[in-house]
Amino acid sequence: MTRDVSWPQASEGGKVAGWEAIRANWTRQWGEFDPHVEPLAITEGEGGKVRVRVHQLVKNLQGEVLSDSEVLRYSL
């Protein structure tokens, strides 16, 4: 990640920018949620972009399922 990276805050909306803000956001989120992500497929798309399809299961700390879905992410 570059120092000026901007990252979406999926659970609250909006974005955070910069390494320290992202680190603080992730640290706080991992203290509130119990995420599990399992890669299902990694493929190369148009223009050399990499597509990663994952099964994402997110629970709160009491074990209640907040989200259970497949997610498709792209990267350069």
Protein backbone atom coordinates (compact mmCIF):
# COMPACT_ATOMS: atom_id res chain seq x y z
CA MET A 1 0.00 0.00 0.00
CA THR A 2 1.18 3.49 -0.73
CA ARG A 3 1.28 5.99 2.13
CA ASP A 4 -1.72 7.87 0.70
CA VAL A 5 -3.91 4.75 0.44
CA SER A 6 -7.64 5.23 0.98
CA TRP A 7 -9.52 2.26 2.46
CA PRO A 8 -13.32 1.73 2.75
CA GLN A 9 -14.82 1.25 6.20
CA ALA A 10 -17.24 -1.53 5.36
CA SER A 11 -18.92 -1.69 8.76
CA GLU A 12 -19.43 2.07 9.24
CA GLY A 13 -19.29 3.53 5.75
CA GLY A 14 -16.87 6.16 4.58
CA LYS A 15 -13.13 5.74 4.19
CA VAL A 16 -9.92 6.11 6.13
CA ALA A 17 -6.67 7.31 4.57
CA GLY A 18 -3.04 6.59 5.35
CA TRP A 19 -1.25 3.71 7.02
CA GLU A 20 -1.78 4.78 10.62
CA ALA A 21 -5.50 5.47 10.17
CA ILE A 22 -5.98 2.11 8.47
CA ARG A 23 -3.99 0.30 11.19
CA ALA A 24 -6.10 1.96 13.91
CA ASN A 25 -9.33 1.12 12.06
CA TRP A 26 -8.34 -2.54 11.57
CA THR A 27 -7.18 -2.89 15.18
CA ARG A 28 -10.49 -1.52 16.44
CA GLN A 29 -12.54 -3.72 14.06
CA TRP A 30 -10.69 -6.93 15.01
CA GLY A 31 -11.53 -6.10 18.62
CA GLU A 32 -15.26 -5.96 17.75
CA PHE A 33 -15.64 -8.67 15.10
CA ASP A 34 -14.54 -12.24 14.56
CA PRO A 35 -13.88 -12.49 10.80
CA HIS A 36 -12.98 -15.59 8.82
CA VAL A 37 -12.08 -15.35 5.14
CA GLU A 38 -11.44 -18.41 2.99
CA PRO A 39 -10.12 -17.96 -0.57
CA LEU A 40 -12.23 -19.85 -3.11
CA ALA A 41 -10.65 -18.79 -6.42
CA ILE A 42 -7.88 -16.54 -7.68
CA THR A 43 -7.94 -15.60 -11.37
CA GLU A 44 -6.41 -13.01 -13.64
CA GLY A 45 -8.85 -10.58 -15.22
CA GLU A 46 -8.67 -7.82 -17.80
CA GLY A 47 -5.55 -5.68 -17.83
CA GLY A 48 -3.68 -8.01 -15.50
CA LYS A 49 -5.98 -7.34 -12.56
CA VAL A 50 -6.20 -10.17 -10.08
CA ARG A 51 -9.64 -11.33 -8.95
CA VAL A 52 -9.99 -13.06 -5.63
CA ARG A 53 -13.29 -14.73 -4.68
CA VAL A 54 -13.60 -15.51 -0.98
CA HIS A 55 -16.14 -16.89 1.47
CA GLN A 56 -16.40 -14.31 4.24
CA LEU A 57 -17.99 -15.12 7.59
CA VAL A 58 -18.17 -12.32 10.15
CA LYS A 59 -19.44 -12.83 13.69
CA ASN A 60 -19.63 -10.49 16.66
CA LEU A 61 -17.73 -11.45 19.79
CA GLN A 62 -20.83 -13.19 21.17
CA GLY A 63 -20.82 -15.58 18.17
CA GLU A 64 -23.81 -14.05 16.34
CA VAL A 65 -23.38 -14.17 12.55
CA LEU A 66 -23.34 -10.65 11.11
CA SER A 67 -22.49 -11.59 7.53
CA ASP A 68 -22.04 -14.84 5.61
CA SER A 69 -21.33 -14.22 1.94
CA GLU A 70 -19.05 -14.61 -1.03
CA VAL A 71 -17.04 -11.52 -1.89
CA LEU A 72 -15.18 -10.73 -5.11
CA ARG A 73 -12.18 -8.40 -4.83
CA TYR A 74 -9.98 -6.94 -7.55
CA SER A 75 -6.43 -5.72 -7.26
CA LEU A 76 -3.80 -4.45 -9.65
